[in-house]
């Protein structure tokens, strides 16, 4: 090996090592969250051997719909390995099938106000946001929420299929609020 090829060999070996570590982390259920809806950092997907319930913090794949394509185009969500090339969301299950959702200035579930659920009319870039119309959550759907005021959650996209739940979201190493 000549002197010129040595830096290239180190670069290739380093890239291979990074790919192997990332692949091992992915297979172990580790994910990096860089959105402000929940603390940024390293999270783990913990298997869920029951139906998701209100209060669960979950990783969930959004459905491959026009609504989520718009969300991707606006930068609310990122690319990932879910259907349609979307990234999983980290959200708290706020309500499950059969519960009544009312959306006005804030969200109410079965007549009780949902804390930190003010409904915004525009996003951070000043673009209009259309809130979910409300109604009874259908069987097999979940209503998702985040306490972060600017979160893109079911206040705007409505309930989504529980079949997208990947598991519980557990922080491993996080920082920030």
N, C-alpha and C. Protein backbone atom coordinates (compact mmCIF):
# COMPACT_ATOMS: atom_id res chain seq x y z
N UNK A 1 0.85 -1.17 0.00
CA UNK A 1 0.00 0.00 0.00
C UNK A 1 0.90 1.23 0.00
N UNK A 2 0.62 2.15 -0.89
CA UNK A 2 1.43 3.35 -0.95
C UNK A 2 0.96 4.35 0.10
N UNK A 3 1.75 5.36 0.32
CA UNK A 3 1.43 6.41 1.30
C UNK A 3 0.12 7.10 0.91
N UNK A 4 -0.15 7.30 -0.37
CA UNK A 4 -1.35 8.00 -0.82
C UNK A 4 -2.62 7.20 -0.52
N UNK A 5 -2.55 5.91 -0.58
CA UNK A 5 -3.74 5.08 -0.36
C UNK A 5 -4.05 4.90 1.13
N UNK A 6 -3.10 5.16 2.00
CA UNK A 6 -3.31 4.97 3.43
C UNK A 6 -4.45 5.82 3.97
N UNK A 7 -4.51 7.14 3.69
CA UNK A 7 -5.64 7.94 4.19
C UNK A 7 -6.99 7.44 3.64
N UNK A 8 -7.01 6.99 2.40
CA UNK A 8 -8.24 6.47 1.82
C UNK A 8 -8.66 5.18 2.54
N UNK A 9 -7.71 4.33 2.86
CA UNK A 9 -8.01 3.09 3.57
C UNK A 9 -8.56 3.39 4.97
N UNK A 10 -8.00 4.38 5.64
CA UNK A 10 -8.50 4.77 6.97
C UNK A 10 -9.91 5.33 6.84
N UNK A 11 -10.16 6.14 5.85
CA UNK A 11 -11.48 6.71 5.63
C UNK A 11 -12.52 5.61 5.37
N UNK A 12 -12.19 4.66 4.53
CA UNK A 12 -13.11 3.56 4.21
C UNK A 12 -13.36 2.71 5.45
N UNK A 13 -12.32 2.40 6.20
CA UNK A 13 -12.47 1.60 7.42
C UNK A 13 -13.31 2.34 8.46
N UNK A 14 -13.09 3.63 8.60
CA UNK A 14 -13.87 4.44 9.54
C UNK A 14 -15.34 4.48 9.15
N UNK A 15 -15.61 4.67 7.87
CA UNK A 15 -16.99 4.69 7.39
C UNK A 15 -17.66 3.34 7.63
N UNK A 16 -16.92 2.27 7.41
CA UNK A 16 -17.45 0.93 7.67
C UNK A 16 -17.77 0.71 9.14
N UNK A 17 -16.91 1.20 10.02
CA UNK A 17 -17.13 1.08 11.46
C UNK A 17 -18.36 1.88 11.89
N UNK A 18 -18.48 3.10 11.39
CA UNK A 18 -19.66 3.93 11.71
C UNK A 18 -20.93 3.24 11.22
N UNK A 19 -20.91 2.69 10.01
CA UNK A 19 -22.09 2.00 9.47
C UNK A 19 -22.43 0.77 10.30
N UNK A 20 -21.42 0.02 10.75
CA UNK A 20 -21.66 -1.17 11.57
C UNK A 20 -22.26 -0.79 12.92
N UNK A 21 -21.75 0.25 13.56
CA UNK A 21 -22.30 0.69 14.84
C UNK A 21 -23.73 1.20 14.67
N UNK A 22 -23.97 1.99 13.62
CA UNK A 22 -25.33 2.50 13.37
C UNK A 22 -26.29 1.34 13.08
N UNK A 23 -25.86 0.38 12.30
CA UNK A 23 -26.71 -0.78 12.00
C UNK A 23 -27.02 -1.60 13.24
N UNK A 24 -26.04 -1.79 14.08
CA UNK A 24 -26.26 -2.54 15.33
C UNK A 24 -27.23 -1.78 16.23
N UNK A 25 -27.09 -0.47 16.31
CA UNK A 25 -28.01 0.34 17.11
C UNK A 25 -29.43 0.28 16.57
N UNK A 26 -29.55 0.33 15.25
CA UNK A 26 -30.86 0.25 14.61
C UNK A 26 -31.52 -1.09 14.94
N UNK A 27 -30.77 -2.17 14.80
CA UNK A 27 -31.31 -3.50 15.09
C UNK A 27 -31.67 -3.65 16.56
N UNK A 28 -31.00 -2.92 17.44
CA UNK A 28 -31.29 -2.98 18.87
C UNK A 28 -32.45 -2.06 19.25
N UNK A 29 -33.06 -1.39 18.27
CA UNK A 29 -34.20 -0.53 18.55
C UNK A 29 -33.84 0.88 18.97
N UNK A 30 -32.60 1.28 18.75
CA UNK A 30 -32.18 2.63 19.11
C UNK A 30 -32.51 3.61 17.99
N UNK A 31 -32.98 4.78 18.39
CA UNK A 31 -33.31 5.83 17.43
C UNK A 31 -32.83 7.16 18.00
N UNK A 32 -32.53 8.09 17.10
CA UNK A 32 -32.13 9.44 17.51
C UNK A 32 -33.30 10.37 17.25
N UNK A 33 -33.68 11.13 18.26
CA UNK A 33 -34.73 12.14 18.11
C UNK A 33 -34.07 13.51 18.06
N UNK A 34 -34.32 14.24 16.99
CA UNK A 34 -33.79 15.59 16.86
C UNK A 34 -34.90 16.63 16.78
N UNK A 35 -36.14 16.22 17.08
CA UNK A 35 -37.27 17.16 17.06
C UNK A 35 -37.51 17.69 18.47
N UNK A 36 -38.13 18.86 18.60
CA UNK A 36 -38.34 19.44 19.93
C UNK A 36 -39.57 18.92 20.67
N UNK A 37 -40.36 18.04 20.06
CA UNK A 37 -41.57 17.56 20.72
C UNK A 37 -41.26 16.80 22.01
N UNK A 38 -40.13 16.12 22.05
CA UNK A 38 -39.66 15.42 23.24
C UNK A 38 -38.16 15.66 23.30
N UNK A 39 -37.52 15.41 24.45
CA UNK A 39 -36.08 15.70 24.54
C UNK A 39 -35.27 15.07 23.40
N UNK A 40 -34.35 15.87 22.89
CA UNK A 40 -33.47 15.37 21.83
C UNK A 40 -32.48 14.36 22.40
N UNK A 41 -32.08 13.42 21.56
CA UNK A 41 -31.08 12.46 21.99
C UNK A 41 -31.40 11.06 21.53
N UNK A 42 -30.85 10.10 22.26
CA UNK A 42 -30.97 8.69 21.91
C UNK A 42 -32.14 8.06 22.66
N UNK A 43 -33.00 7.37 21.91
CA UNK A 43 -34.18 6.71 22.44
C UNK A 43 -34.16 5.25 22.02
N UNK A 44 -34.91 4.44 22.76
CA UNK A 44 -35.02 3.01 22.45
C UNK A 44 -36.49 2.66 22.25
N UNK A 45 -36.75 1.80 21.28
CA UNK A 45 -38.10 1.26 21.08
C UNK A 45 -38.21 0.00 21.93
N UNK A 46 -39.11 0.05 22.91
CA UNK A 46 -39.34 -1.10 23.79
C UNK A 46 -40.57 -1.84 23.29
N UNK A 47 -40.48 -3.14 23.09
CA UNK A 47 -41.64 -3.89 22.58
C UNK A 47 -42.88 -3.68 23.47
N UNK A 48 -44.03 -3.64 22.83
CA UNK A 48 -45.31 -3.45 23.51
C UNK A 48 -46.15 -4.68 23.25
N UNK A 49 -46.42 -5.45 24.29
CA UNK A 49 -47.14 -6.72 24.12
C UNK A 49 -48.63 -6.61 24.46
N UNK A 50 -49.16 -5.41 24.34
CA UNK A 50 -50.57 -5.14 24.58
C UNK A 50 -50.98 -3.98 23.68
N UNK A 51 -52.25 -3.67 23.66
CA UNK A 51 -52.71 -2.51 22.88
C UNK A 51 -52.20 -1.23 23.54
N UNK A 52 -51.87 -0.25 22.73
CA UNK A 52 -51.44 1.05 23.26
C UNK A 52 -52.60 1.65 24.05
N UNK A 53 -52.26 2.30 25.16
CA UNK A 53 -53.26 2.88 26.05
C UNK A 53 -52.96 4.36 26.26
N UNK A 54 -53.99 5.10 26.67
CA UNK A 54 -53.81 6.52 26.97
C UNK A 54 -52.69 6.66 28.00
N UNK A 55 -51.80 7.59 27.75
CA UNK A 55 -50.65 7.83 28.61
C UNK A 55 -49.37 7.19 28.13
N UNK A 56 -49.45 6.22 27.22
CA UNK A 56 -48.25 5.58 26.68
C UNK A 56 -47.49 6.55 25.79
N UNK A 57 -46.18 6.59 25.95
CA UNK A 57 -45.30 7.33 25.04
C UNK A 57 -44.81 6.31 24.03
N UNK A 58 -45.14 6.52 22.75
CA UNK A 58 -44.87 5.50 21.73
C UNK A 58 -44.08 6.05 20.55
N UNK A 59 -43.40 5.13 19.88
CA UNK A 59 -42.90 5.36 18.53
C UNK A 59 -44.00 4.83 17.63
N UNK A 60 -44.41 5.61 16.64
CA UNK A 60 -45.47 5.19 15.74
C UNK A 60 -45.16 5.67 14.32
N UNK A 61 -45.38 4.79 13.37
CA UNK A 61 -45.23 5.17 11.96
C UNK A 61 -46.49 5.87 11.50
N UNK A 62 -46.35 7.05 10.91
CA UNK A 62 -47.54 7.71 10.37
C UNK A 62 -48.00 6.98 9.11
N UNK A 63 -49.29 7.07 8.81
CA UNK A 63 -49.78 6.42 7.59
C UNK A 63 -49.27 7.17 6.36
N UNK A 64 -49.18 6.46 5.26
CA UNK A 64 -48.72 7.04 3.99
C UNK A 64 -49.92 7.73 3.33
N UNK A 65 -50.15 8.99 3.72
CA UNK A 65 -51.30 9.76 3.22
C UNK A 65 -50.83 11.10 2.68
N UNK A 66 -51.73 11.77 1.97
CA UNK A 66 -51.43 13.10 1.44
C UNK A 66 -51.13 14.08 2.58
N UNK A 67 -51.83 13.94 3.71
CA UNK A 67 -51.61 14.82 4.86
C UNK A 67 -50.16 14.72 5.35
N UNK A 68 -49.64 13.52 5.43
CA UNK A 68 -48.26 13.37 5.91
C UNK A 68 -47.24 13.71 4.83
N UNK A 69 -47.60 13.61 3.57
CA UNK A 69 -46.71 14.11 2.50
C UNK A 69 -46.58 15.62 2.61
N UNK A 70 -47.70 16.32 2.90
CA UNK A 70 -47.64 17.77 3.11
C UNK A 70 -46.78 18.09 4.34
N UNK A 71 -46.94 17.29 5.38
CA UNK A 71 -46.14 17.50 6.60
C UNK A 71 -44.65 17.35 6.30
N UNK A 72 -44.31 16.36 5.48
CA UNK A 72 -42.92 16.16 5.08
C UNK A 72 -42.43 17.36 4.28
N UNK A 73 -43.23 17.81 3.33
CA UNK A 73 -42.85 18.96 2.49
C UNK A 73 -42.65 20.22 3.33
N UNK A 74 -43.43 20.38 4.38
CA UNK A 74 -43.32 21.56 5.25
C UNK A 74 -42.23 21.40 6.31
N UNK A 75 -41.66 20.23 6.43
CA UNK A 75 -40.59 20.01 7.40
C UNK A 75 -41.06 19.64 8.79
N UNK A 76 -42.33 19.27 8.95
CA UNK A 76 -42.83 18.86 10.26
C UNK A 76 -42.33 17.48 10.64
N UNK A 77 -42.11 16.63 9.65
CA UNK A 77 -41.59 15.29 9.88
C UNK A 77 -40.43 15.06 8.92
N UNK A 78 -39.68 14.01 9.18
CA UNK A 78 -38.49 13.73 8.37
C UNK A 78 -38.65 12.43 7.60
N UNK A 79 -37.69 12.19 6.73
CA UNK A 79 -37.64 10.92 5.99
C UNK A 79 -37.21 9.81 6.94
N UNK A 80 -37.68 8.60 6.66
CA UNK A 80 -37.32 7.47 7.49
C UNK A 80 -37.73 6.17 6.84
N UNK A 81 -37.85 5.12 7.64
CA UNK A 81 -38.10 3.78 7.11
C UNK A 81 -39.54 3.31 7.24
N UNK A 82 -40.46 4.21 7.61
CA UNK A 82 -41.88 3.85 7.66
C UNK A 82 -42.45 3.92 6.24
N UNK A 83 -43.70 3.47 6.09
CA UNK A 83 -44.37 3.53 4.79
C UNK A 83 -44.28 4.94 4.21
N UNK A 84 -44.10 5.01 2.91
CA UNK A 84 -43.98 6.31 2.25
C UNK A 84 -42.65 7.00 2.51
N UNK A 85 -41.70 6.29 3.13
CA UNK A 85 -40.40 6.89 3.40
C UNK A 85 -40.42 7.90 4.53
N UNK A 86 -41.39 7.79 5.45
CA UNK A 86 -41.52 8.73 6.55
C UNK A 86 -40.84 8.20 7.80
N UNK A 87 -40.47 9.11 8.68
CA UNK A 87 -39.83 8.75 9.93
C UNK A 87 -40.88 8.50 11.01
N UNK A 88 -40.62 7.58 11.94
CA UNK A 88 -41.57 7.39 13.04
C UNK A 88 -41.68 8.64 13.89
N UNK A 89 -42.83 8.80 14.51
CA UNK A 89 -43.09 9.90 15.43
C UNK A 89 -42.93 9.39 16.86
N UNK A 90 -42.54 10.27 17.77
CA UNK A 90 -42.61 9.99 19.20
C UNK A 90 -43.76 10.85 19.71
N UNK A 91 -44.80 10.21 20.23
CA UNK A 91 -45.98 10.94 20.72
C UNK A 91 -46.57 10.20 21.91
N UNK A 92 -47.32 10.93 22.71
CA UNK A 92 -48.07 10.34 23.81
C UNK A 92 -49.47 10.01 23.31
N UNK A 93 -49.95 8.83 23.64
CA UNK A 93 -51.32 8.46 23.31
C UNK A 93 -52.22 9.23 24.27
N UNK A 94 -53.03 10.15 23.74
CA UNK A 94 -53.92 10.97 24.57
C UNK A 94 -55.31 10.37 24.67
N UNK A 95 -55.73 9.63 23.64
CA UNK A 95 -57.06 9.03 23.63
C UNK A 95 -57.07 7.84 22.69
N UNK A 96 -58.00 6.93 22.93
CA UNK A 96 -58.13 5.70 22.15
C UNK A 96 -59.53 5.58 21.58
N UNK A 97 -59.77 4.52 20.83
CA UNK A 97 -61.06 4.35 20.17
C UNK A 97 -62.23 4.47 21.15
N UNK A 98 -63.28 5.11 20.65
CA UNK A 98 -64.49 5.32 21.44
C UNK A 98 -64.53 6.62 22.20
N UNK A 99 -63.41 7.30 22.32
CA UNK A 99 -63.38 8.56 23.06
C UNK A 99 -63.75 9.73 22.14
N UNK A 100 -64.41 10.73 22.72
CA UNK A 100 -64.87 11.91 21.99
C UNK A 100 -63.81 13.01 22.06
N UNK A 101 -63.42 13.50 20.89
CA UNK A 101 -62.45 14.60 20.80
C UNK A 101 -63.19 15.84 20.32
N UNK A 102 -63.05 16.94 21.06
CA UNK A 102 -63.59 18.22 20.64
C UNK A 102 -62.43 19.18 20.50
N UNK A 103 -62.40 19.89 19.36
CA UNK A 103 -61.30 20.81 19.07
C UNK A 103 -61.86 22.21 18.88
N UNK A 104 -61.40 23.12 19.72
CA UNK A 104 -61.76 24.54 19.61
C UNK A 104 -60.45 25.31 19.76
N UNK A 105 -60.36 26.19 20.76
CA UNK A 105 -59.09 26.87 21.03
C UNK A 105 -58.08 25.90 21.62
N UNK A 106 -58.59 24.85 22.28
CA UNK A 106 -57.76 23.77 22.77
C UNK A 106 -58.57 22.48 22.62
N UNK A 107 -57.94 21.36 22.92
CA UNK A 107 -58.56 20.05 22.74
C UNK A 107 -59.20 19.59 24.04
N UNK A 108 -60.37 18.96 23.92
CA UNK A 108 -61.02 18.29 25.05
C UNK A 108 -61.24 16.84 24.67
N UNK A 109 -61.03 15.96 25.64
CA UNK A 109 -61.27 14.53 25.46
C UNK A 109 -62.34 14.13 26.45
N UNK A 110 -63.44 13.63 25.91
CA UNK A 110 -64.59 13.25 26.74
C UNK A 110 -64.99 14.39 27.67
N UNK A 111 -64.94 15.62 27.16
CA UNK A 111 -65.37 16.79 27.91
C UNK A 111 -64.33 17.38 28.84
N UNK A 112 -63.17 16.75 28.98
CA UNK A 112 -62.11 17.25 29.85
C UNK A 112 -61.00 17.90 29.01
N UNK A 113 -60.62 19.14 29.35
CA UNK A 113 -59.54 19.80 28.59
C UNK A 113 -58.24 19.00 28.65
N UNK A 114 -57.57 18.88 27.52
CA UNK A 114 -56.27 18.24 27.45
C UNK A 114 -55.21 19.31 27.73
N UNK A 115 -54.42 19.16 28.80
CA UNK A 115 -53.40 20.17 29.11
C UNK A 115 -52.45 20.40 27.93
N UNK A 116 -51.98 21.62 27.81
CA UNK A 116 -50.99 22.00 26.78
C UNK A 116 -51.46 21.64 25.38
N UNK A 117 -52.74 21.91 25.08
CA UNK A 117 -53.28 21.53 23.77
C UNK A 117 -53.85 22.70 22.99
N UNK A 118 -53.31 23.89 23.22
CA UNK A 118 -53.77 25.04 22.46
C UNK A 118 -53.61 24.75 20.97
N UNK A 119 -54.64 25.09 20.20
CA UNK A 119 -54.62 24.84 18.76
C UNK A 119 -54.17 26.12 18.06
N UNK A 120 -53.10 26.02 17.33
CA UNK A 120 -52.55 27.18 16.61
C UNK A 120 -53.18 27.31 15.23
N UNK A 121 -53.29 28.52 14.77
CA UNK A 121 -53.85 28.78 13.45
C UNK A 121 -52.79 28.78 12.36
N UNK A 122 -51.53 29.03 12.78
CA UNK A 122 -50.42 29.04 11.82
C UNK A 122 -49.23 28.31 12.43
N UNK A 123 -48.33 27.84 11.56
CA UNK A 123 -47.10 27.21 12.05
C UNK A 123 -46.04 28.28 12.29
N UNK A 124 -44.85 27.88 12.67
CA UNK A 124 -43.77 28.83 12.98
C UNK A 124 -43.38 29.69 11.78
N UNK A 125 -43.65 29.20 10.57
CA UNK A 125 -43.32 29.96 9.36
C UNK A 125 -44.50 30.83 8.90
N UNK A 126 -45.59 30.86 9.67
CA UNK A 126 -46.74 31.68 9.31
C UNK A 126 -47.71 31.02 8.34
N UNK A 127 -47.49 29.75 8.02
CA UNK A 127 -48.39 29.03 7.11
C UNK A 127 -49.62 28.56 7.88
N UNK A 128 -50.79 28.59 7.24
CA UNK A 128 -52.00 28.18 7.95
C UNK A 128 -51.99 26.69 8.32
N UNK A 129 -52.54 26.41 9.51
CA UNK A 129 -52.72 25.05 9.98
C UNK A 129 -54.21 24.77 10.08
N UNK A 130 -54.64 23.65 9.55
CA UNK A 130 -56.04 23.27 9.64
C UNK A 130 -56.19 22.26 10.78
N UNK A 131 -56.94 22.61 11.84
CA UNK A 131 -57.09 21.66 12.94
C UNK A 131 -58.02 20.50 12.57
N UNK A 132 -57.82 19.39 13.27
CA UNK A 132 -58.70 18.24 13.16
C UNK A 132 -60.10 18.67 13.57
N UNK A 133 -61.12 18.19 12.88
CA UNK A 133 -62.50 18.60 13.13
C UNK A 133 -63.07 18.04 14.42
N UNK A 134 -62.47 16.97 14.95
CA UNK A 134 -62.99 16.36 16.16
C UNK A 134 -63.94 15.22 15.83
N UNK A 135 -64.42 14.55 16.86
CA UNK A 135 -65.34 13.44 16.70
C UNK A 135 -64.92 12.27 17.56
N UNK A 136 -65.63 11.16 17.40
CA UNK A 136 -65.32 9.95 18.15
C UNK A 136 -64.21 9.20 17.43
N UNK A 137 -63.23 8.76 18.19
CA UNK A 137 -62.11 8.02 17.61
C UNK A 137 -62.59 6.64 17.19
N UNK A 138 -62.31 6.29 15.96
CA UNK A 138 -62.71 4.98 15.41
C UNK A 138 -61.91 3.85 16.03
N UNK A 139 -62.49 2.65 15.96
CA UNK A 139 -61.80 1.45 16.44
C UNK A 139 -60.47 1.31 15.70
N UNK A 140 -59.42 1.01 16.44
CA UNK A 140 -58.10 0.80 15.84
C UNK A 140 -57.30 2.07 15.62
N UNK A 141 -57.82 3.21 16.06
CA UNK A 141 -57.11 4.48 15.89
C UNK A 141 -56.66 5.02 17.25
N UNK A 142 -55.66 5.91 17.21
CA UNK A 142 -55.14 6.57 18.40
C UNK A 142 -55.09 8.07 18.16
N UNK A 143 -55.35 8.84 19.21
CA UNK A 143 -55.21 10.29 19.17
C UNK A 143 -53.91 10.61 19.90
N UNK A 144 -52.98 11.25 19.22
CA UNK A 144 -51.62 11.47 19.73
C UNK A 144 -51.40 12.93 20.09
N UNK A 145 -50.57 13.14 21.10
CA UNK A 145 -50.34 14.51 21.57
C UNK A 145 -48.91 14.65 22.10
N UNK A 146 -48.42 15.88 22.06
CA UNK A 146 -47.17 16.26 22.70
C UNK A 146 -47.41 17.57 23.44
N UNK A 147 -46.80 17.73 24.61
CA UNK A 147 -46.95 18.97 25.38
C UNK A 147 -46.25 20.15 24.74
N UNK A 148 -45.36 19.90 23.78
CA UNK A 148 -44.64 20.97 23.10
C UNK A 148 -45.64 21.78 22.27
N UNK A 149 -45.69 23.08 22.49
CA UNK A 149 -46.70 23.94 21.85
C UNK A 149 -46.68 23.87 20.32
N UNK A 150 -45.49 23.72 19.74
CA UNK A 150 -45.38 23.70 18.28
C UNK A 150 -45.42 22.30 17.69
N UNK A 151 -45.83 21.31 18.47
CA UNK A 151 -45.83 19.94 17.99
C UNK A 151 -46.85 19.73 16.87
N UNK A 152 -46.45 18.93 15.90
CA UNK A 152 -47.36 18.49 14.85
C UNK A 152 -47.92 17.16 15.32
N UNK A 153 -49.14 17.17 15.81
CA UNK A 153 -49.74 15.98 16.38
C UNK A 153 -51.20 15.88 15.95
N UNK A 154 -51.98 15.07 16.65
CA UNK A 154 -53.36 14.82 16.24
C UNK A 154 -54.25 16.06 16.30
N UNK A 155 -53.79 17.14 16.92
CA UNK A 155 -54.54 18.40 16.85
C UNK A 155 -54.74 18.80 15.39
N UNK A 156 -53.80 18.41 14.55
CA UNK A 156 -53.82 18.81 13.14
C UNK A 156 -54.08 17.63 12.20
N UNK A 157 -53.48 16.47 12.44
CA UNK A 157 -53.67 15.35 11.50
C UNK A 157 -54.75 14.38 11.93
N UNK A 158 -55.29 14.54 13.14
CA UNK A 158 -56.35 13.66 13.62
C UNK A 158 -55.82 12.31 14.08
N UNK A 159 -56.72 11.41 14.43
CA UNK A 159 -56.31 10.07 14.87
C UNK A 159 -55.63 9.31 13.73
N UNK A 160 -54.71 8.41 14.10
CA UNK A 160 -54.05 7.57 13.09
C UNK A 160 -54.11 6.11 13.55
N UNK A 161 -53.92 5.18 12.62
CA UNK A 161 -54.04 3.76 12.95
C UNK A 161 -53.04 3.28 14.00
N UNK A 162 -53.55 2.54 14.98
CA UNK A 162 -52.69 1.97 16.01
C UNK A 162 -51.77 0.90 15.44
N UNK A 163 -52.07 0.42 14.25
CA UNK A 163 -51.22 -0.60 13.61
C UNK A 163 -49.82 -0.07 13.33
N UNK A 164 -49.63 1.24 13.36
CA UNK A 164 -48.32 1.84 13.14
C UNK A 164 -47.44 1.87 14.37
N UNK A 165 -47.97 1.48 15.54
CA UNK A 165 -47.17 1.53 16.77
C UNK A 165 -46.00 0.55 16.65
N UNK A 166 -44.81 1.07 16.86
CA UNK A 166 -43.60 0.25 16.84
C UNK A 166 -43.25 -0.26 18.24
N UNK A 167 -43.65 0.49 19.26
CA UNK A 167 -43.37 0.13 20.64
C UNK A 167 -43.34 1.37 21.51
N UNK A 168 -43.07 1.16 22.78
CA UNK A 168 -42.95 2.27 23.72
C UNK A 168 -41.65 3.02 23.46
N UNK A 169 -41.67 4.32 23.69
CA UNK A 169 -40.47 5.15 23.52
C UNK A 169 -39.83 5.35 24.89
N UNK A 170 -38.59 4.93 25.00
CA UNK A 170 -37.85 5.04 26.26
C UNK A 170 -36.57 5.83 26.03
N UNK A 171 -36.35 6.92 26.79
CA UNK A 171 -35.11 7.68 26.63
C UNK A 171 -33.91 6.88 27.13
N UNK A 172 -32.81 6.96 26.39
CA UNK A 172 -31.55 6.33 26.78
C UNK A 172 -30.58 7.42 27.23
N UNK A 173 -30.38 8.39 26.36
CA UNK A 173 -29.53 9.55 26.68
C UNK A 173 -30.12 10.75 25.98
N UNK A 174 -30.73 11.63 26.75
CA UNK A 174 -31.38 12.80 26.15
C UNK A 174 -30.88 14.07 26.81
N UNK A 175 -31.14 15.17 26.15
CA UNK A 175 -30.76 16.47 26.67
C UNK A 175 -31.81 17.49 26.27
N UNK A 176 -31.91 18.55 27.01
CA UNK A 176 -32.90 19.59 26.74
C UNK A 176 -34.21 19.30 27.45
N UNK A 177 -35.18 20.20 27.24
CA UNK A 177 -36.46 20.06 27.95
C UNK A 177 -37.27 18.87 27.51
